[in-house]
Structure formats: structure tokens, C-alpha cells
PDB file of all heavy atoms in Angstrom:
ATOM      1  N   ASN A   1     -19.759  -7.371  -9.516  1.00  0.00           N
ATOM      2  CA  ASN A   1     -19.619  -6.409 -10.638  1.00  0.00           C
ATOM      3  C   ASN A   1     -20.248  -5.048 -10.210  1.00  0.00           C
ATOM      4  O   ASN A   1     -21.062  -4.465 -10.923  1.00  0.00           O
ATOM      5  CB  ASN A   1     -20.284  -7.014 -11.814  1.00  0.00           C
ATOM      6  CG  ASN A   1     -20.037  -6.118 -13.064  1.00  0.00           C
ATOM      7  OD1 ASN A   1     -19.076  -5.405 -13.066  1.00  0.00           O
ATOM      8  ND2 ASN A   1     -20.907  -6.222 -14.019  1.00  0.00           N
ATOM      9  N   GLU A   2     -19.740  -4.551  -9.037  1.00  0.00           N
ATOM     10  CA  GLU A   2     -20.213  -3.242  -8.538  1.00  0.00           C
ATOM     11  C   GLU A   2     -19.196  -2.723  -7.549  1.00  0.00           C
ATOM     12  O   GLU A   2     -18.484  -3.557  -6.934  1.00  0.00           O
ATOM     13  CB  GLU A   2     -21.620  -3.432  -7.949  1.00  0.00           C
ATOM     14  CG  GLU A   2     -21.614  -4.290  -6.713  1.00  0.00           C
ATOM     15  CD  GLU A   2     -23.044  -4.583  -6.254  1.00  0.00           C
ATOM     16  OE1 GLU A   2     -23.927  -4.671  -7.032  1.00  0.00           O
ATOM     17  OE2 GLU A   2     -23.183  -4.719  -4.930  1.00  0.00           O
ATOM     18  N   VAL A   3     -19.303  -1.443  -7.299  1.00  0.00           N
ATOM     19  CA  VAL A   3     -18.510  -0.832  -6.229  1.00  0.00           C
ATOM     20  C   VAL A   3     -19.432   0.038  -5.417  1.00  0.00           C
ATOM     21  O   VAL A   3     -20.069   0.957  -5.962  1.00  0.00           O
ATOM     22  CB  VAL A   3     -17.367   0.072  -6.809  1.00  0.00           C
ATOM     23  CG1 VAL A   3     -16.681   0.861  -5.773  1.00  0.00           C
ATOM     24  CG2 VAL A   3     -16.360  -0.779  -7.541  1.00  0.00           C
ATOM     25  N   ALA A   4     -19.464  -0.157  -4.072  1.00  0.00           N
ATOM     26  CA  ALA A   4     -20.312   0.594  -3.183  1.00  0.00           C
ATOM     27  C   ALA A   4     -19.329   1.745  -2.741  1.00  0.00           C
ATOM     28  O   ALA A   4     -18.218   1.681  -2.456  1.00  0.00           O
ATOM     29  CB  ALA A   4     -20.710  -0.194  -1.968  1.00  0.00           C
ATOM     30  N   PHE A   5     -20.016   2.966  -2.612  1.00  0.00           N
ATOM     31  CA  PHE A   5     -19.350   4.170  -2.143  1.00  0.00           C
ATOM     32  C   PHE A   5     -20.320   5.075  -1.436  1.00  0.00           C
ATOM     33  O   PHE A   5     -21.536   4.949  -1.623  1.00  0.00           O
ATOM     34  CB  PHE A   5     -18.578   4.855  -3.304  1.00  0.00           C
ATOM     35  CG  PHE A   5     -19.565   5.385  -4.303  1.00  0.00           C
ATOM     36  CD1 PHE A   5     -19.926   6.732  -4.459  1.00  0.00           C
ATOM     37  CD2 PHE A   5     -20.027   4.585  -5.321  1.00  0.00           C
ATOM     38  CE1 PHE A   5     -20.744   7.234  -5.365  1.00  0.00           C
ATOM     39  CE2 PHE A   5     -20.813   5.065  -6.359  1.00  0.00           C
ATOM     40  CZ  PHE A   5     -21.222   6.398  -6.408  1.00  0.00           C
ATOM     41  N   SER A   6     -19.827   6.021  -0.678  1.00  0.00           N
ATOM     42  CA  SER A   6     -20.649   6.933   0.043  1.00  0.00           C
ATOM     43  C   SER A   6     -20.592   8.309  -0.618  1.00  0.00           C
ATOM     44  O   SER A   6     -19.627   8.750  -1.104  1.00  0.00           O
ATOM     45  CB  SER A   6     -20.128   7.106   1.502  1.00  0.00           C
ATOM     46  OG  SER A   6     -20.934   8.021   2.231  1.00  0.00           O
ATOM     47  N   PHE A   7     -21.782   8.842  -0.844  1.00  0.00           N
ATOM     48  CA  PHE A   7     -21.917  10.171  -1.447  1.00  0.00           C
ATOM     49  C   PHE A   7     -23.044  10.900  -0.784  1.00  0.00           C
ATOM     50  O   PHE A   7     -24.210  10.404  -0.782  1.00  0.00           O
ATOM     51  CB  PHE A   7     -22.154  10.059  -2.968  1.00  0.00           C
ATOM     52  CG  PHE A   7     -22.294  11.354  -3.691  1.00  0.00           C
ATOM     53  CD1 PHE A   7     -21.252  12.211  -3.838  1.00  0.00           C
ATOM     54  CD2 PHE A   7     -23.609  11.717  -4.206  1.00  0.00           C
ATOM     55  CE1 PHE A   7     -21.421  13.436  -4.473  1.00  0.00           C
ATOM     56  CE2 PHE A   7     -23.722  12.915  -4.917  1.00  0.00           C
ATOM     57  CZ  PHE A   7     -22.641  13.762  -5.059  1.00  0.00           C
ATOM     58  N   ALA A   8     -22.818  12.063  -0.329  1.00  0.00           N
ATOM     59  CA  ALA A   8     -23.814  12.963   0.362  1.00  0.00           C
ATOM     60  C   ALA A   8     -24.584  12.196   1.421  1.00  0.00           C
ATOM     61  O   ALA A   8     -25.751  12.369   1.618  1.00  0.00           O
ATOM     62  CB  ALA A   8     -24.839  13.516  -0.760  1.00  0.00           C
ATOM     63  N   GLY A   9     -23.849  11.370   2.180  1.00  0.00           N
ATOM     64  CA  GLY A   9     -24.449  10.577   3.243  1.00  0.00           C
ATOM     65  C   GLY A   9     -25.264   9.357   2.875  1.00  0.00           C
ATOM     66  O   GLY A   9     -25.897   8.757   3.723  1.00  0.00           O
ATOM     67  N   GLN A  10     -25.194   9.036   1.599  1.00  0.00           N
ATOM     68  CA  GLN A  10     -25.937   7.935   1.012  1.00  0.00           C
ATOM     69  C   GLN A  10     -25.021   6.861   0.485  1.00  0.00           C
ATOM     70  O   GLN A  10     -23.910   7.150   0.032  1.00  0.00           O
ATOM     71  CB  GLN A  10     -26.839   8.332  -0.100  1.00  0.00           C
ATOM     72  CG  GLN A  10     -27.791   9.439   0.193  1.00  0.00           C
ATOM     73  CD  GLN A  10     -28.758   9.217   1.300  1.00  0.00           C
ATOM     74  OE1 GLN A  10     -29.384   8.156   1.241  1.00  0.00           O
ATOM     75  NE2 GLN A  10     -28.727  10.022   2.360  1.00  0.00           N
ATOM     76  N   THR A  11     -25.390   5.590   0.637  1.00  0.00           N
ATOM     77  CA  THR A  11     -24.642   4.499   0.080  1.00  0.00           C
ATOM     78  C   THR A  11     -25.155   4.206  -1.277  1.00  0.00           C
ATOM     79  O   THR A  11     -26.284   3.818  -1.453  1.00  0.00           O
ATOM     80  CB  THR A  11     -24.780   3.258   0.979  1.00  0.00           C
ATOM     81  OG1 THR A  11     -24.215   3.509   2.227  1.00  0.00           O
ATOM     82  CG2 THR A  11     -23.927   2.110   0.319  1.00  0.00           C
ATOM     83  N   LEU A  12     -24.291   4.425  -2.331  1.00  0.00           N
ATOM     84  CA  LEU A  12     -24.629   4.187  -3.682  1.00  0.00           C
ATOM     85  C   LEU A  12     -23.772   3.074  -4.228  1.00  0.00           C
ATOM     86  O   LEU A  12     -22.700   2.723  -3.662  1.00  0.00           O
ATOM     87  CB  LEU A  12     -24.400   5.469  -4.505  1.00  0.00           C
ATOM     88  CG  LEU A  12     -25.082   6.769  -3.995  1.00  0.00           C
ATOM     89  CD1 LEU A  12     -24.742   7.914  -4.884  1.00  0.00           C
ATOM     90  CD2 LEU A  12     -26.619   6.569  -3.922  1.00  0.00           C
ATOM     91  N   LYS A  13     -24.165   2.516  -5.339  1.00  0.00           N
ATOM     92  CA  LYS A  13     -23.382   1.498  -6.037  1.00  0.00           C
ATOM     93  C   LYS A  13     -23.135   1.802  -7.412  1.00  0.00           C
ATOM     94  O   LYS A  13     -24.133   2.083  -8.230  1.00  0.00           O
ATOM     95  CB  LYS A  13     -24.024   0.137  -5.893  1.00  0.00           C
ATOM     96  CG  LYS A  13     -24.106  -0.444  -4.407  1.00  0.00           C
ATOM     97  CD  LYS A  13     -24.690  -1.826  -4.288  1.00  0.00           C
ATOM     98  CE  LYS A  13     -24.724  -2.319  -2.908  1.00  0.00           C
ATOM     99  NZ  LYS A  13     -25.279  -3.719  -2.859  1.00  0.00           N
ATOM    100  N   ALA A  14     -21.916   1.824  -7.937  1.00  0.00           N
ATOM    101  CA  ALA A  14     -21.490   1.974  -9.325  1.00  0.00           C
ATOM    102  C   ALA A  14     -21.445   0.560  -9.919  1.00  0.00           C
ATOM    103  O   ALA A  14     -20.692  -0.288  -9.495  1.00  0.00           O
ATOM    104  CB  ALA A  14     -20.157   2.617  -9.462  1.00  0.00           C
ATOM    105  N   LEU A  15     -22.377   0.267 -10.838  1.00  0.00           N
ATOM    106  CA  LEU A  15     -22.461  -0.932 -11.473  1.00  0.00           C
ATOM    107  C   LEU A  15     -21.453  -1.060 -12.656  1.00  0.00           C
ATOM    108  O   LEU A  15     -21.153   0.027 -13.255  1.00  0.00           O
ATOM    109  CB  LEU A  15     -23.839  -1.390 -11.982  1.00  0.00           C
ATOM    110  CG  LEU A  15     -24.959  -1.260 -10.955  1.00  0.00           C
ATOM    111  CD1 LEU A  15     -26.324  -1.769 -11.591  1.00  0.00           C
ATOM    112  CD2 LEU A  15     -24.668  -2.010  -9.730  1.00  0.00           C
ATOM    113  N   GLY A  16     -20.976  -2.205 -12.928  1.00  0.00           N
ATOM    114  CA  GLY A  16     -19.938  -2.301 -13.923  1.00  0.00           C
ATOM    115  C   GLY A  16     -20.409  -1.943 -15.309  1.00  0.00           C
ATOM    116  O   GLY A  16     -19.664  -1.536 -16.217  1.00  0.00           O
ATOM    117  N   SER A  17     -21.687  -1.959 -15.504  1.00  0.00           N
ATOM    118  CA  SER A  17     -22.365  -1.486 -16.812  1.00  0.00           C
ATOM    119  C   SER A  17     -22.315  -0.048 -17.001  1.00  0.00           C
ATOM    120  O   SER A  17     -22.520   0.459 -18.090  1.00  0.00           O
ATOM    121  CB  SER A  17     -23.889  -1.959 -16.763  1.00  0.00           C
ATOM    122  OG  SER A  17     -24.535  -1.251 -15.736  1.00  0.00           O
ATOM    123  N   GLY A  18     -22.055   0.718 -15.941  1.00  0.00           N
ATOM    124  CA  GLY A  18     -22.177   2.217 -16.010  1.00  0.00           C
ATOM    125  C   GLY A  18     -23.378   2.814 -15.372  1.00  0.00           C
ATOM    126  O   GLY A  18     -23.644   3.992 -15.348  1.00  0.00           O
ATOM    127  N   ALA A  19     -24.342   1.890 -14.913  1.00  0.00           N
ATOM    128  CA  ALA A  19     -25.561   2.372 -14.181  1.00  0.00           C
ATOM    129  C   ALA A  19     -25.154   2.656 -12.687  1.00  0.00           C
ATOM    130  O   ALA A  19     -24.325   2.093 -12.152  1.00  0.00           O
ATOM    131  CB  ALA A  19     -26.616   1.349 -14.273  1.00  0.00           C
ATOM    132  N   LEU A  20     -25.958   3.537 -12.121  1.00  0.00           N
ATOM    133  CA  LEU A  20     -25.921   3.876 -10.693  1.00  0.00           C
ATOM    134  C   LEU A  20     -27.118   3.237  -9.941  1.00  0.00           C
ATOM    135  O   LEU A  20     -28.205   3.430 -10.374  1.00  0.00           O
ATOM    136  CB  LEU A  20     -25.931   5.326 -10.577  1.00  0.00           C
ATOM    137  CG  LEU A  20     -25.822   5.844  -9.077  1.00  0.00           C
ATOM    138  CD1 LEU A  20     -24.395   5.613  -8.511  1.00  0.00           C
ATOM    139  CD2 LEU A  20     -26.176   7.427  -8.971  1.00  0.00           C
ATOM    140  N   TRP A  21     -26.821   2.605  -8.870  1.00  0.00           N
ATOM    141  CA  TRP A  21     -27.951   1.934  -8.069  1.00  0.00           C
ATOM    142  C   TRP A  21     -27.912   2.572  -6.683  1.00  0.00           C
ATOM    143  O   TRP A  21     -26.887   2.702  -6.055  1.00  0.00           O
ATOM    144  CB  TRP A  21     -27.692   0.462  -7.995  1.00  0.00           C
ATOM    145  CG  TRP A  21     -28.641  -0.302  -7.086  1.00  0.00           C
ATOM    146  CD1 TRP A  21     -28.302  -1.128  -6.089  1.00  0.00           C
ATOM    147  CD2 TRP A  21     -30.110  -0.310  -7.164  1.00  0.00           C
ATOM    148  NE1 TRP A  21     -29.444  -1.683  -5.528  1.00  0.00           N
ATOM    149  CE2 TRP A  21     -30.508  -1.256  -6.118  1.00  0.00           C
ATOM    150  CE3 TRP A  21     -31.049   0.195  -7.991  1.00  0.00           C
ATOM    151  CZ2 TRP A  21     -31.930  -1.506  -5.957  1.00  0.00           C
ATOM    152  CZ3 TRP A  21     -32.393  -0.046  -7.800  1.00  0.00           C
ATOM    153  CH2 TRP A  21     -32.813  -0.887  -6.759  1.00  0.00           C
ATOM    154  N   TRP A  22     -29.116   3.083  -6.271  1.00  0.00           N
ATOM    155  CA  TRP A  22     -29.252   3.706  -4.875  1.00  0.00           C
ATOM    156  C   TRP A  22     -30.219   2.776  -4.184  1.00  0.00           C
ATOM    157  O   TRP A  22     -31.473   2.852  -4.266  1.00  0.00           O
ATOM    158  CB  TRP A  22     -29.980   5.068  -5.049  1.00  0.00           C
ATOM    159  CG  TRP A  22     -30.021   5.878  -3.890  1.00  0.00           C
ATOM    160  CD1 TRP A  22     -29.652   5.565  -2.640  1.00  0.00           C
ATOM    161  CD2 TRP A  22     -30.561   7.212  -3.765  1.00  0.00           C
ATOM    162  NE1 TRP A  22     -29.938   6.619  -1.662  1.00  0.00           N
ATOM    163  CE2 TRP A  22     -30.507   7.596  -2.366  1.00  0.00           C
ATOM    164  CE3 TRP A  22     -31.151   8.084  -4.680  1.00  0.00           C
ATOM    165  CZ2 TRP A  22     -30.937   8.886  -1.994  1.00  0.00           C
ATOM    166  CZ3 TRP A  22     -31.537   9.309  -4.307  1.00  0.00           C
ATOM    167  CH2 TRP A  22     -31.461   9.722  -2.933  1.00  0.00           C
ATOM    168  N   PRO A  23     -29.666   1.842  -3.414  1.00  0.00           N
ATOM    169  CA  PRO A  23     -30.567   0.794  -2.814  1.00  0.00           C
ATOM    170  C   PRO A  23     -31.615   1.311  -1.922  1.00  0.00           C
ATOM    171  O   PRO A  23     -32.792   0.854  -1.982  1.00  0.00           O
ATOM    172  CB  PRO A  23     -29.546   0.043  -1.986  1.00  0.00           C
ATOM    173  CG  PRO A  23     -28.207   0.256  -2.689  1.00  0.00           C
ATOM    174  CD  PRO A  23     -28.240   1.626  -3.099  1.00  0.00           C
ATOM    175  N   ASP A  24     -31.358   2.312  -1.048  1.00  0.00           N
ATOM    176  CA  ASP A  24     -32.361   2.844  -0.118  1.00  0.00           C
ATOM    177  C   ASP A  24     -33.605   3.360  -0.817  1.00  0.00           C
ATOM    178  O   ASP A  24     -34.681   3.321  -0.247  1.00  0.00           O
ATOM    179  CB  ASP A  24     -31.750   3.872   0.876  1.00  0.00           C
ATOM    180  CG  ASP A  24     -30.880   3.280   1.857  1.00  0.00           C
ATOM    181  OD1 ASP A  24     -30.792   2.020   2.005  1.00  0.00           O
ATOM    182  OD2 ASP A  24     -30.139   4.008   2.546  1.00  0.00           O
ATOM    183  N   GLN A  25     -33.419   3.912  -1.987  1.00  0.00           N
ATOM    184  CA  GLN A  25     -34.564   4.455  -2.769  1.00  0.00           C
ATOM    185  C   GLN A  25     -35.023   3.487  -3.854  1.00  0.00           C
ATOM    186  O   GLN A  25     -35.937   3.886  -4.590  1.00  0.00           O
ATOM    187  CB  GLN A  25     -34.101   5.796  -3.396  1.00  0.00           C
ATOM    188  CG  GLN A  25     -33.874   6.832  -2.393  1.00  0.00           C
ATOM    189  CD  GLN A  25     -35.112   7.378  -1.765  1.00  0.00           C
ATOM    190  OE1 GLN A  25     -36.254   7.228  -2.290  1.00  0.00           O
ATOM    191  NE2 GLN A  25     -35.035   7.990  -0.540  1.00  0.00           N
ATOM    192  N   GLN A  26     -34.390   2.388  -3.929  1.00  0.00           N
ATOM    193  CA  GLN A  26     -34.721   1.398  -5.056  1.00  0.00           C
ATOM    194  C   GLN A  26     -34.693   2.107  -6.390  1.00  0.00           C
ATOM    195  O   GLN A  26     -35.566   2.018  -7.245  1.00  0.00           O
ATOM    196  CB  GLN A  26     -36.017   0.752  -4.857  1.00  0.00           C
ATOM    197  CG  GLN A  26     -36.075  -0.262  -3.702  1.00  0.00           C
ATOM    198  CD  GLN A  26     -37.309  -0.999  -3.479  1.00  0.00           C
ATOM    199  OE1 GLN A  26     -38.384  -0.433  -3.186  1.00  0.00           O
ATOM    200  NE2 GLN A  26     -37.296  -2.274  -3.895  1.00  0.00           N
ATOM    201  N   LEU A  27     -33.658   2.927  -6.614  1.00  0.00           N
ATOM    202  CA  LEU A  27     -33.538   3.807  -7.807  1.00  0.00           C
ATOM    203  C   LEU A  27     -32.346   3.405  -8.625  1.00  0.00           C
ATOM    204  O   LEU A  27     -31.198   3.355  -8.156  1.00  0.00           O
ATOM    205  CB  LEU A  27     -33.415   5.295  -7.284  1.00  0.00           C
ATOM    206  CG  LEU A  27     -33.433   6.401  -8.383  1.00  0.00           C
ATOM    207  CD1 LEU A  27     -34.001   7.683  -7.727  1.00  0.00           C
ATOM    208  CD2 LEU A  27     -32.108   6.640  -8.895  1.00  0.00           C
ATOM    209  N   LEU A  28     -32.562   3.219  -9.931  1.00  0.00           N
ATOM    210  CA  LEU A  28     -31.535   2.973 -10.955  1.00  0.00           C
ATOM    211  C   LEU A  28     -31.431   4.250 -11.842  1.00  0.00           C
ATOM    212  O   LEU A  28     -32.422   4.676 -12.329  1.00  0.00           O
ATOM    213  CB  LEU A  28     -31.884   1.745 -11.804  1.00  0.00           C
ATOM    214  CG  LEU A  28     -30.828   1.270 -12.788  1.00  0.00           C
ATOM    215  CD1 LEU A  28     -29.687   0.635 -12.039  1.00  0.00           C
ATOM    216  CD2 LEU A  28     -31.454   0.355 -13.810  1.00  0.00           C
ATOM    217  N   CYS A  29     -30.239   4.619 -12.021  1.00  0.00           N
ATOM    218  CA  CYS A  29     -30.039   5.836 -12.840  1.00  0.00           C
ATOM    219  C   CYS A  29     -28.965   5.499 -13.980  1.00  0.00           C
ATOM    220  O   CYS A  29     -27.891   4.890 -13.616  1.00  0.00           O
ATOM    221  CB  CYS A  29     -29.418   6.960 -11.981  1.00  0.00           C
ATOM    222  SG  CYS A  29     -29.178   8.558 -12.872  1.00  0.00           S
ATOM    223  N   VAL A  30     -29.268   5.954 -15.132  1.00  0.00           N
ATOM    224  CA  VAL A  30     -28.316   5.772 -16.344  1.00  0.00           C
ATOM    225  C   VAL A  30     -28.329   7.102 -17.064  1.00  0.00           C
ATOM    226  O   VAL A  30     -29.254   7.856 -17.001  1.00  0.00           O
ATOM    227  CB  VAL A  30     -28.790   4.643 -17.276  1.00  0.00           C
ATOM    228  CG1 VAL A  30     -28.668   3.297 -16.610  1.00  0.00           C
ATOM    229  CG2 VAL A  30     -30.230   4.827 -17.795  1.00  0.00           C
ATOM    230  N   SER A  31     -27.170   7.350 -17.725  1.00  0.00           N
ATOM    231  CA  SER A  31     -27.010   8.642 -18.382  1.00  0.00           C
ATOM    232  C   SER A  31     -26.540   8.372 -19.800  1.00  0.00           C
ATOM    233  O   SER A  31     -25.798   7.475 -20.116  1.00  0.00           O
ATOM    234  CB  SER A  31     -25.955   9.478 -17.645  1.00  0.00           C
ATOM    235  OG  SER A  31     -25.945  10.808 -18.149  1.00  0.00           O
ATOM    236  N   ASP A  32     -26.985   9.290 -20.671  1.00  0.00           N
ATOM    237  CA  ASP A  32     -26.415   9.423 -22.018  1.00  0.00           C
ATOM    238  C   ASP A  32     -26.661   8.086 -22.766  1.00  0.00           C
ATOM    239  O   ASP A  32     -25.679   7.558 -23.243  1.00  0.00           O
ATOM    240  CB  ASP A  32     -25.016   9.857 -22.055  1.00  0.00           C
ATOM    241  CG  ASP A  32     -24.850  11.234 -21.511  1.00  0.00           C
ATOM    242  OD1 ASP A  32     -24.989  12.215 -22.274  1.00  0.00           O
ATOM    243  OD2 ASP A  32     -24.611  11.436 -20.283  1.00  0.00           O
ATOM    244  N   LEU A  33     -27.922   7.624 -22.919  1.00  0.00           N
ATOM    245  CA  LEU A  33     -28.169   6.451 -23.700  1.00  0.00           C
ATOM    246  C   LEU A  33     -27.948   6.645 -25.159  1.00  0.00           C
ATOM    247  O   LEU A  33     -27.548   5.762 -25.938  1.00  0.00           O
ATOM    248  CB  LEU A  33     -29.598   6.001 -23.546  1.00  0.00           C
ATOM    249  CG  LEU A  33     -30.052   5.705 -22.063  1.00  0.00           C
ATOM    250  CD1 LEU A  33     -31.573   5.345 -22.088  1.00  0.00           C
ATOM    251  CD2 LEU A  33     -29.263   4.610 -21.459  1.00  0.00           C
ATOM    252  N   HIS A  34     -28.190   7.900 -25.710  1.00  0.00           N
ATOM    253  CA  HIS A  34     -28.050   8.272 -27.058  1.00  0.00           C
ATOM    254  C   HIS A  34     -28.660   7.227 -27.942  1.00  0.00           C
ATOM    255  O   HIS A  34     -28.068   6.853 -28.993  1.00  0.00           O
ATOM    256  CB  HIS A  34     -26.540   8.529 -27.403  1.00  0.00           C
ATOM    257  CG  HIS A  34     -26.012   9.786 -26.890  1.00  0.00           C
ATOM    258  ND1 HIS A  34     -26.130  10.996 -27.585  1.00  0.00           N
ATOM    259  CD2 HIS A  34     -25.340  10.062 -25.703  1.00  0.00           C
ATOM    260  CE1 HIS A  34     -25.554  11.975 -26.884  1.00  0.00           C
ATOM    261  NE2 HIS A  34     -25.138  11.393 -25.762  1.00  0.00           N
ATOM    262  N   LEU A  35     -29.862   6.806 -27.663  1.00  0.00           N
ATOM    263  CA  LEU A  35     -30.602   5.870 -28.554  1.00  0.00           C
ATOM    264  C   LEU A  35     -30.851   6.623 -29.935  1.00  0.00           C
ATOM    265  O   LEU A  35     -31.096   7.793 -30.077  1.00  0.00           O
ATOM    266  CB  LEU A  35     -31.995   5.587 -27.939  1.00  0.00           C
ATOM    267  CG  LEU A  35     -31.901   4.861 -26.555  1.00  0.00           C
ATOM    268  CD1 LEU A  35     -33.365   4.805 -25.905  1.00  0.00           C
ATOM    269  CD2 LEU A  35     -31.300   3.510 -26.703  1.00  0.00           C
TER     270      LEU A  35
END
């Protein structure tokens, strides 16, 4: 449930949930939660 792609020389993963995963930095990014 993810798609790996290259961006700015980095391998990133678009998760099916809408989150972004940057494995090399162990970084998860989400946008516009609108809690």
C-alpha cells in the first residue's frame, strides 16, 4: 500500500493513506489534518 518514487535525488514513498515516508531520514510527513 505504497508507491516509491525519486524526488530531488531522494527515494520517497507515497503511502496509500496520503502520508509521505522518507526512509533515509525516518521522517513521516502529513498535510492538512484540519483537526
